[in-house]
Amino acid sequence: MSELGTFSIRVVDEDGVGVGDVKVSVHYASLLAGYFHGRTDSDGWVEFDIETAPPWGTLIETIYVDDEEVGGGFHPEDGNTFSFNRP
């Protein structure tokens, strides 16, 4: 875990059930800008470290599920959770 903590993303199907083994990509805009990737567990969850950031915080510009844009534009804090439907 990073010094700033972690945040989690859950991918669900149209019935709200977690979907496992789905690729999730997060595009950070911070001092360590770039893309970070993970795969959901059997209940649809994937966890990411919050990267070292300038004083205004890490910005998650874009989130992709199976290479489809599903969200973004937020500053995660330790323990935040987000949920997205699988495209």
PDB file of N, CA and C in Angstrom:
ATOM      1  N   MET A   1       0.846  -1.173   0.000  1.00  0.00           N
ATOM      2  CA  MET A   1       0.000   0.000   0.000  1.00  0.00           C
ATOM      3  C   MET A   1       0.890   1.235   0.000  1.00  0.00           C
ATOM      4  N   SER A   2       0.506   2.253  -0.743  1.00  0.00           N
ATOM      5  CA  SER A   2       1.262   3.497  -0.780  1.00  0.00           C
ATOM      6  C   SER A   2       1.034   4.286   0.508  1.00  0.00           C
ATOM      7  N   GLU A   3       1.882   5.292   0.757  1.00  0.00           N
ATOM      8  CA  GLU A   3       1.737   6.140   1.932  1.00  0.00           C
ATOM      9  C   GLU A   3       0.384   6.851   1.960  1.00  0.00           C
ATOM     10  N   LEU A   4      -0.179   7.113   0.790  1.00  0.00           N
ATOM     11  CA  LEU A   4      -1.448   7.827   0.703  1.00  0.00           C
ATOM     12  C   LEU A   4      -2.650   6.901   0.749  1.00  0.00           C
ATOM     13  N   GLY A   5      -2.437   5.594   0.762  1.00  0.00           N
ATOM     14  CA  GLY A   5      -3.528   4.650   0.862  1.00  0.00           C
ATOM     15  C   GLY A   5      -3.943   4.053  -0.466  1.00  0.00           C
ATOM     16  N   THR A   6      -5.151   3.532  -0.475  1.00  0.00           N
ATOM     17  CA  THR A   6      -5.673   2.846  -1.651  1.00  0.00           C
ATOM     18  C   THR A   6      -7.124   3.251  -1.896  1.00  0.00           C
ATOM     19  N   PHE A   7      -7.569   2.997  -3.127  1.00  0.00           N
ATOM     20  CA  PHE A   7      -8.987   3.099  -3.446  1.00  0.00           C
ATOM     21  C   PHE A   7      -9.347   1.863  -4.256  1.00  0.00           C
ATOM     22  N   SER A   8     -10.629   1.526  -4.276  1.00  0.00           N
ATOM     23  CA  SER A   8     -11.087   0.308  -4.941  1.00  0.00           C
ATOM     24  C   SER A   8     -12.171   0.614  -5.959  1.00  0.00           C
ATOM     25  N   ILE A   9     -12.179  -0.190  -6.996  1.00  0.00           N
ATOM     26  CA  ILE A   9     -13.195  -0.103  -8.048  1.00  0.00           C
ATOM     27  C   ILE A   9     -13.865  -1.458  -8.150  1.00  0.00           C
ATOM     28  N   ARG A  10     -15.185  -1.444  -8.254  1.00  0.00           N
ATOM     29  CA  ARG A  10     -15.944  -2.678  -8.455  1.00  0.00           C
ATOM     30  C   ARG A  10     -16.647  -2.602  -9.797  1.00  0.00           C
ATOM     31  N   VAL A  11     -16.545  -3.682 -10.554  1.00  0.00           N
ATOM     32  CA  VAL A  11     -17.234  -3.800 -11.838  1.00  0.00           C
ATOM     33  C   VAL A  11     -18.411  -4.752 -11.642  1.00  0.00           C
ATOM     34  N   VAL A  12     -19.609  -4.272 -12.028  1.00  0.00           N
ATOM     35  CA  VAL A  12     -20.812  -5.079 -11.859  1.00  0.00           C
ATOM     36  C   VAL A  12     -21.527  -5.257 -13.191  1.00  0.00           C
ATOM     37  N   ASP A  13     -22.349  -6.295 -13.249  1.00  0.00           N
ATOM     38  CA  ASP A  13     -23.165  -6.514 -14.449  1.00  0.00           C
ATOM     39  C   ASP A  13     -24.469  -5.740 -14.316  1.00  0.00           C
ATOM     40  N   GLU A  14     -25.380  -5.912 -15.259  1.00  0.00           N
ATOM     41  CA  GLU A  14     -26.634  -5.153 -15.271  1.00  0.00           C
ATOM     42  C   GLU A  14     -27.522  -5.446 -14.063  1.00  0.00           C
ATOM     43  N   ASP A  15     -27.265  -6.572 -13.367  1.00  0.00           N
ATOM     44  CA  ASP A  15     -28.034  -6.923 -12.173  1.00  0.00           C
ATOM     45  C   ASP A  15     -27.345  -6.486 -10.887  1.00  0.00           C
ATOM     46  N   GLY A  16     -26.189  -5.808 -11.012  1.00  0.00           N
ATOM     47  CA  GLY A  16     -25.457  -5.358  -9.832  1.00  0.00           C
ATOM     48  C   GLY A  16     -24.573  -6.406  -9.197  1.00  0.00           C
ATOM     49  N   VAL A  17     -24.332  -7.505  -9.912  1.00  0.00           N
ATOM     50  CA  VAL A  17     -23.485  -8.592  -9.413  1.00  0.00           C
ATOM     51  C   VAL A  17     -22.055  -8.358  -9.887  1.00  0.00           C
ATOM     52  N   GLY A  18     -21.092  -8.497  -8.964  1.00  0.00           N
ATOM     53  CA  GLY A  18     -19.692  -8.301  -9.304  1.00  0.00           C
ATOM     54  C   GLY A  18     -19.222  -9.258 -10.382  1.00  0.00           C
ATOM     55  N   VAL A  19     -18.385  -8.751 -11.303  1.00  0.00           N
ATOM     56  CA  VAL A  19     -17.879  -9.541 -12.421  1.00  0.00           C
ATOM     57  C   VAL A  19     -16.370  -9.731 -12.242  1.00  0.00           C
ATOM     58  N   GLY A  20     -15.930 -10.987 -12.212  1.00  0.00           N
ATOM     59  CA  GLY A  20     -14.520 -11.302 -12.017  1.00  0.00           C
ATOM     60  C   GLY A  20     -13.730 -11.335 -13.303  1.00  0.00           C
ATOM     61  N   ASP A  21     -12.414 -11.194 -13.150  1.00  0.00           N
ATOM     62  CA  ASP A  21     -11.437 -11.298 -14.235  1.00  0.00           C
ATOM     63  C   ASP A  21     -11.696 -10.290 -15.357  1.00  0.00           C
ATOM     64  N   VAL A  22     -11.964  -9.038 -14.960  1.00  0.00           N
ATOM     65  CA  VAL A  22     -12.183  -7.947 -15.911  1.00  0.00           C
ATOM     66  C   VAL A  22     -11.000  -6.987 -15.801  1.00  0.00           C
ATOM     67  N   LYS A  23     -10.480  -6.546 -16.934  1.00  0.00           N
ATOM     68  CA  LYS A  23      -9.371  -5.597 -16.947  1.00  0.00           C
ATOM     69  C   LYS A  23      -9.881  -4.199 -16.617  1.00  0.00           C
ATOM     70  N   VAL A  24      -9.236  -3.549 -15.627  1.00  0.00           N
ATOM     71  CA  VAL A  24      -9.557  -2.177 -15.252  1.00  0.00           C
ATOM     72  C   VAL A  24      -8.272  -1.367 -15.379  1.00  0.00           C
ATOM     73  N   SER A  25      -8.344  -0.245 -16.097  1.00  0.00           N
ATOM     74  CA  SER A  25      -7.203   0.649 -16.271  1.00  0.00           C
ATOM     75  C   SER A  25      -7.563   2.020 -15.730  1.00  0.00           C
ATOM     76  N   VAL A  26      -6.599   2.633 -15.048  1.00  0.00           N
ATOM     77  CA  VAL A  26      -6.793   3.945 -14.449  1.00  0.00           C
ATOM     78  C   VAL A  26      -5.714   4.865 -14.988  1.00  0.00           C
ATOM     79  N   HIS A  27      -6.118   6.034 -15.513  1.00  0.00           N
ATOM     80  CA  HIS A  27      -5.157   7.022 -15.987  1.00  0.00           C
ATOM     81  C   HIS A  27      -5.029   8.110 -14.934  1.00  0.00           C
ATOM     82  N   TYR A  28      -3.832   8.178 -14.320  1.00  0.00           N
ATOM     83  CA  TYR A  28      -3.529   9.177 -13.295  1.00  0.00           C
ATOM     84  C   TYR A  28      -2.949  10.423 -13.932  1.00  0.00           C
ATOM     85  N   ALA A  29      -3.241  11.576 -13.347  1.00  0.00           N
ATOM     86  CA  ALA A  29      -2.557  12.819 -13.684  1.00  0.00           C
ATOM     87  C   ALA A  29      -1.953  13.331 -12.386  1.00  0.00           C
ATOM     88  N   SER A  30      -0.665  13.114 -12.203  1.00  0.00           N
ATOM     89  CA  SER A  30       0.051  13.552 -11.011  1.00  0.00           C
ATOM     90  C   SER A  30       1.533  13.576 -11.346  1.00  0.00           C
ATOM     91  N   LEU A  31       2.375  13.653 -10.339  1.00  0.00           N
ATOM     92  CA  LEU A  31       3.816  13.600 -10.590  1.00  0.00           C
ATOM     93  C   LEU A  31       4.215  12.285 -11.248  1.00  0.00           C
ATOM     94  N   LEU A  32       3.462  11.226 -10.983  1.00  0.00           N
ATOM     95  CA  LEU A  32       3.721   9.909 -11.580  1.00  0.00           C
ATOM     96  C   LEU A  32       2.615   9.566 -12.568  1.00  0.00           C
ATOM     97  N   ALA A  33       2.325  10.484 -13.474  1.00  0.00           N
ATOM     98  CA  ALA A  33       1.239  10.270 -14.435  1.00  0.00           C
ATOM     99  C   ALA A  33       1.478   9.009 -15.242  1.00  0.00           C
ATOM    100  N   GLY A  34       0.397   8.358 -15.580  1.00  0.00           N
ATOM    101  CA  GLY A  34       0.483   7.158 -16.394  1.00  0.00           C
ATOM    102  C   GLY A  34      -0.747   6.300 -16.226  1.00  0.00           C
ATOM    103  N   TYR A  35      -0.669   5.119 -16.792  1.00  0.00           N
ATOM    104  CA  TYR A  35      -1.763   4.157 -16.707  1.00  0.00           C
ATOM    105  C   TYR A  35      -1.371   3.027 -15.766  1.00  0.00           C
ATOM    106  N   PHE A  36      -2.313   2.627 -14.932  1.00  0.00           N
ATOM    107  CA  PHE A  36      -2.118   1.492 -14.044  1.00  0.00           C
ATOM    108  C   PHE A  36      -3.244   0.518 -14.329  1.00  0.00           C
ATOM    109  N   HIS A  37      -2.924  -0.754 -14.316  1.00  0.00           N
ATOM    110  CA  HIS A  37      -3.886  -1.782 -14.702  1.00  0.00           C
ATOM    111  C   HIS A  37      -4.054  -2.811 -13.591  1.00  0.00           C
ATOM    112  N   GLY A  38      -5.230  -3.386 -13.551  1.00  0.00           N
ATOM    113  CA  GLY A  38      -5.514  -4.472 -12.632  1.00  0.00           C
ATOM    114  C   GLY A  38      -6.640  -5.328 -13.186  1.00  0.00           C
ATOM    115  N   ARG A  39      -6.879  -6.463 -12.528  1.00  0.00           N
ATOM    116  CA  ARG A  39      -7.984  -7.345 -12.908  1.00  0.00           C
ATOM    117  C   ARG A  39      -8.858  -7.555 -11.685  1.00  0.00           C
ATOM    118  N   THR A  40     -10.159  -7.583 -11.896  1.00  0.00           N
ATOM    119  CA  THR A  40     -11.076  -7.754 -10.778  1.00  0.00           C
ATOM    120  C   THR A  40     -10.970  -9.158 -10.191  1.00  0.00           C
ATOM    121  N   ASP A  41     -11.248  -9.236  -8.889  1.00  0.00           N
ATOM    122  CA  ASP A  41     -11.290 -10.539  -8.232  1.00  0.00           C
ATOM    123  C   ASP A  41     -12.639 -11.202  -8.521  1.00  0.00           C
ATOM    124  N   SER A  42     -12.922 -12.312  -7.884  1.00  0.00           N
ATOM    125  CA  SER A  42     -14.142 -13.076  -8.186  1.00  0.00           C
ATOM    126  C   SER A  42     -15.422 -12.317  -7.819  1.00  0.00           C
ATOM    127  N   ASP A  43     -15.307 -11.280  -6.959  1.00  0.00           N
ATOM    128  CA  ASP A  43     -16.477 -10.487  -6.581  1.00  0.00           C
ATOM    129  C   ASP A  43     -16.519  -9.139  -7.307  1.00  0.00           C
ATOM    130  N   GLY A  44     -15.623  -8.943  -8.288  1.00  0.00           N
ATOM    131  CA  GLY A  44     -15.657  -7.735  -9.100  1.00  0.00           C
ATOM    132  C   GLY A  44     -14.791  -6.586  -8.614  1.00  0.00           C
ATOM    133  N   TRP A  45     -13.995  -6.776  -7.561  1.00  0.00           N
ATOM    134  CA  TRP A  45     -13.192  -5.698  -6.984  1.00  0.00           C
ATOM    135  C   TRP A  45     -11.753  -5.712  -7.465  1.00  0.00           C
ATOM    136  N   VAL A  46     -11.186  -4.509  -7.630  1.00  0.00           N
ATOM    137  CA  VAL A  46      -9.752  -4.334  -7.890  1.00  0.00           C
ATOM    138  C   VAL A  46      -9.307  -3.111  -7.078  1.00  0.00           C
ATOM    139  N   GLU A  47      -8.099  -3.197  -6.514  1.00  0.00           N
ATOM    140  CA  GLU A  47      -7.598  -2.125  -5.655  1.00  0.00           C
ATOM    141  C   GLU A  47      -6.384  -1.458  -6.290  1.00  0.00           C
ATOM    142  N   PHE A  48      -6.297  -0.126  -6.144  1.00  0.00           N
ATOM    143  CA  PHE A  48      -5.172   0.639  -6.668  1.00  0.00           C
ATOM    144  C   PHE A  48      -4.569   1.480  -5.552  1.00  0.00           C
ATOM    145  N   ASP A  49      -3.235   1.645  -5.578  1.00  0.00           N
ATOM    146  CA  ASP A  49      -2.567   2.573  -4.683  1.00  0.00           C
ATOM    147  C   ASP A  49      -2.853   3.993  -5.140  1.00  0.00           C
ATOM    148  N   ILE A  50      -2.941   4.895  -4.181  1.00  0.00           N
ATOM    149  CA  ILE A  50      -3.011   6.318  -4.500  1.00  0.00           C
ATOM    150  C   ILE A  50      -1.576   6.789  -4.645  1.00  0.00           C
ATOM    151  N   GLU A  51      -1.243   7.301  -5.808  1.00  0.00           N
ATOM    152  CA  GLU A  51       0.133   7.675  -6.124  1.00  0.00           C
ATOM    153  C   GLU A  51       0.521   9.010  -5.501  1.00  0.00           C
ATOM    154  N   THR A  52       1.829   9.229  -5.293  1.00  0.00           N
ATOM    155  CA  THR A  52       2.346  10.493  -4.800  1.00  0.00           C
ATOM    156  C   THR A  52       1.903  11.592  -5.754  1.00  0.00           C
ATOM    157  N   ALA A  53       1.439  12.697  -5.192  1.00  0.00           N
ATOM    158  CA  ALA A  53       0.821  13.722  -6.031  1.00  0.00           C
ATOM    159  C   ALA A  53       1.225  15.116  -5.574  1.00  0.00           C
ATOM    160  N   PRO A  54       1.066  16.107  -6.452  1.00  0.00           N
ATOM    161  CA  PRO A  54       1.281  17.489  -6.044  1.00  0.00           C
ATOM    162  C   PRO A  54       0.245  17.906  -4.999  1.00  0.00           C
ATOM    163  N   PRO A  55       0.347  19.101  -4.436  1.00  0.00           N
ATOM    164  CA  PRO A  55      -0.547  19.504  -3.335  1.00  0.00           C
ATOM    165  C   PRO A  55      -2.038  19.411  -3.641  1.00  0.00           C
ATOM    166  N   TRP A  56      -2.436  19.555  -4.901  1.00  0.00           N
ATOM    167  CA  TRP A  56      -3.870  19.497  -5.214  1.00  0.00           C
ATOM    168  C   TRP A  56      -4.376  18.063  -5.324  1.00  0.00           C
ATOM    169  N   GLY A  57      -3.499  17.085  -5.178  1.00  0.00           N
ATOM    170  CA  GLY A  57      -3.919  15.688  -5.142  1.00  0.00           C
ATOM    171  C   GLY A  57      -3.875  14.990  -6.482  1.00  0.00           C
ATOM    172  N   THR A  58      -3.918  13.694  -6.417  1.00  0.00           N
ATOM    173  CA  THR A  58      -3.935  12.870  -7.613  1.00  0.00           C
ATOM    174  C   THR A  58      -5.292  13.001  -8.288  1.00  0.00           C
ATOM    175  N   LEU A  59      -5.275  13.224  -9.572  1.00  0.00           N
ATOM    176  CA  LEU A  59      -6.505  13.269 -10.345  1.00  0.00           C
ATOM    177  C   LEU A  59      -6.599  11.988 -11.162  1.00  0.00           C
ATOM    178  N   ILE A  60      -7.708  11.274 -11.013  1.00  0.00           N
ATOM    179  CA  ILE A  60      -7.984  10.135 -11.871  1.00  0.00           C
ATOM    180  C   ILE A  60      -8.700  10.716 -13.085  1.00  0.00           C
ATOM    181  N   GLU A  61      -7.966  10.853 -14.183  1.00  0.00           N
ATOM    182  CA  GLU A  61      -8.557  11.462 -15.379  1.00  0.00           C
ATOM    183  C   GLU A  61      -9.582  10.548 -16.026  1.00  0.00           C
ATOM    184  N   THR A  62      -9.223   9.270 -16.182  1.00  0.00           N
ATOM    185  CA  THR A  62     -10.101   8.356 -16.907  1.00  0.00           C
ATOM    186  C   THR A  62      -9.987   6.952 -16.329  1.00  0.00           C
ATOM    187  N   ILE A  63     -11.118   6.243 -16.286  1.00  0.00           N
ATOM    188  CA  ILE A  63     -11.159   4.832 -15.904  1.00  0.00           C
ATOM    189  C   ILE A  63     -11.702   4.059 -17.089  1.00  0.00           C
ATOM    190  N   TYR A  64     -11.039   2.958 -17.381  1.00  0.00           N
ATOM    191  CA  TYR A  64     -11.460   2.080 -18.480  1.00  0.00           C
ATOM    192  C   TYR A  64     -11.777   0.698 -17.921  1.00  0.00           C
ATOM    193  N   VAL A  65     -12.867   0.109 -18.394  1.00  0.00           N
ATOM    194  CA  VAL A  65     -13.223  -1.271 -18.089  1.00  0.00           C
ATOM    195  C   VAL A  65     -13.239  -2.007 -19.413  1.00  0.00           C
ATOM    196  N   ASP A  66     -12.400  -3.038 -19.517  1.00  0.00           N
ATOM    197  CA  ASP A  66     -12.244  -3.760 -20.787  1.00  0.00           C
ATOM    198  C   ASP A  66     -12.011  -2.785 -21.945  1.00  0.00           C
ATOM    199  N   ASP A  67     -11.137  -1.786 -21.708  1.00  0.00           N
ATOM    200  CA  ASP A  67     -10.723  -0.790 -22.705  1.00  0.00           C
ATOM    201  C   ASP A  67     -11.829   0.167 -23.143  1.00  0.00           C
ATOM    202  N   GLU A  68     -12.949   0.212 -22.414  1.00  0.00           N
ATOM    203  CA  GLU A  68     -14.032   1.165 -22.692  1.00  0.00           C
ATOM    204  C   GLU A  68     -14.054   2.193 -21.567  1.00  0.00           C
ATOM    205  N   GLU A  69     -14.075   3.485 -21.905  1.00  0.00           N
ATOM    206  CA  GLU A  69     -14.109   4.535 -20.888  1.00  0.00           C
ATOM    207  C   GLU A  69     -15.423   4.483 -20.119  1.00  0.00           C
ATOM    208  N   VAL A  70     -15.328   4.470 -18.777  1.00  0.00           N
ATOM    209  CA  VAL A  70     -16.533   4.413 -17.944  1.00  0.00           C
ATOM    210  C   VAL A  70     -16.638   5.552 -16.935  1.00  0.00           C
ATOM    211  N   GLY A  71     -15.567   6.319 -16.747  1.00  0.00           N
ATOM    212  CA  GLY A  71     -15.645   7.403 -15.769  1.00  0.00           C
ATOM    213  C   GLY A  71     -14.320   8.091 -15.587  1.00  0.00           C
ATOM    214  N   GLY A  72     -14.283   8.968 -14.594  1.00  0.00           N
ATOM    215  CA  GLY A  72     -13.065   9.688 -14.264  1.00  0.00           C
ATOM    216  C   GLY A  72     -13.383  11.071 -13.753  1.00  0.00           C
ATOM    217  N   GLY A  73     -12.322  11.871 -13.607  1.00  0.00           N
ATOM    218  CA  GLY A  73     -12.488  13.235 -13.152  1.00  0.00           C
ATOM    219  C   GLY A  73     -12.680  13.362 -11.653  1.00  0.00           C
ATOM    220  N   PHE A  74     -11.962  12.567 -10.849  1.00  0.00           N
ATOM    221  CA  PHE A  74     -12.090  12.675  -9.395  1.00  0.00           C
ATOM    222  C   PHE A  74     -10.738  12.486  -8.713  1.00  0.00           C
ATOM    223  N   HIS A  75     -10.668  12.933  -7.471  1.00  0.00           N
ATOM    224  CA  HIS A  75      -9.478  12.807  -6.634  1.00  0.00           C
ATOM    225  C   HIS A  75      -9.780  11.767  -5.554  1.00  0.00           C
ATOM    226  N   PRO A  76      -9.224  10.564  -5.652  1.00  0.00           N
ATOM    227  CA  PRO A  76      -9.533   9.533  -4.649  1.00  0.00           C
ATOM    228  C   PRO A  76      -8.842   9.809  -3.319  1.00  0.00           C
ATOM    229  N   GLU A  77      -9.488   9.391  -2.258  1.00  0.00           N
ATOM    230  CA  GLU A  77      -8.913   9.419  -0.927  1.00  0.00           C
ATOM    231  C   GLU A  77      -8.847   7.993  -0.409  1.00  0.00           C
ATOM    232  N   ASP A  78      -8.011   7.781   0.596  1.00  0.00           N
ATOM    233  CA  ASP A  78      -7.829   6.442   1.138  1.00  0.00           C
ATOM    234  C   ASP A  78      -9.171   5.828   1.532  1.00  0.00           C
ATOM    235  N   GLY A  79      -9.401   4.631   1.040  1.00  0.00           N
ATOM    236  CA  GLY A  79     -10.604   3.894   1.377  1.00  0.00           C
ATOM    237  C   GLY A  79     -11.790   4.145   0.466  1.00  0.00           C
ATOM    238  N   ASN A  80     -11.695   5.111  -0.460  1.00  0.00           N
ATOM    239  CA  ASN A  80     -12.804   5.350  -1.396  1.00  0.00           C
ATOM    240  C   ASN A  80     -13.094   4.099  -2.207  1.00  0.00           C
ATOM    241  N   THR A  81     -14.367   3.896  -2.525  1.00  0.00           N
ATOM    242  CA  THR A  81     -14.775   2.824  -3.427  1.00  0.00           C
ATOM    243  C   THR A  81     -15.667   3.411  -4.517  1.00  0.00           C
ATOM    244  N   PHE A  82     -15.557   2.848  -5.699  1.00  0.00           N
ATOM    245  CA  PHE A  82     -16.314   3.294  -6.856  1.00  0.00           C
ATOM    246  C   PHE A  82     -16.841   2.057  -7.570  1.00  0.00           C
ATOM    247  N   SER A  83     -18.005   2.175  -8.177  1.00  0.00           N
ATOM    248  CA  SER A  83     -18.613   1.054  -8.879  1.00  0.00           C
ATOM    249  C   SER A  83     -19.014   1.487 -10.280  1.00  0.00           C
ATOM    250  N   PHE A  84     -18.757   0.611 -11.235  1.00  0.00           N
ATOM    251  CA  PHE A  84     -19.083   0.889 -12.639  1.00  0.00           C
ATOM    252  C   PHE A  84     -19.703  -0.346 -13.252  1.00  0.00           C
ATOM    253  N   ASN A  85     -20.661  -0.126 -14.161  1.00  0.00           N
ATOM    254  CA  ASN A  85     -21.229  -1.242 -14.914  1.00  0.00           C
ATOM    255  C   ASN A  85     -20.247  -1.657 -15.993  1.00  0.00           C
ATOM    256  N   ARG A  86     -20.194  -2.933 -16.256  1.00  0.00           N
ATOM    257  CA  ARG A  86     -19.370  -3.437 -17.339  1.00  0.00           C
ATOM    258  C   ARG A  86     -20.008  -3.027 -18.655  1.00  0.00           C
ATOM    259  N   PRO A  87     -19.210  -2.415 -19.557  1.00  0.00           N
ATOM    260  CA  PRO A  87     -19.766  -1.974 -20.855  1.00  0.00           C
ATOM    261  C   PRO A  87     -20.261  -3.153 -21.683  1.00  0.00           C
TER     262      PRO A  87
END
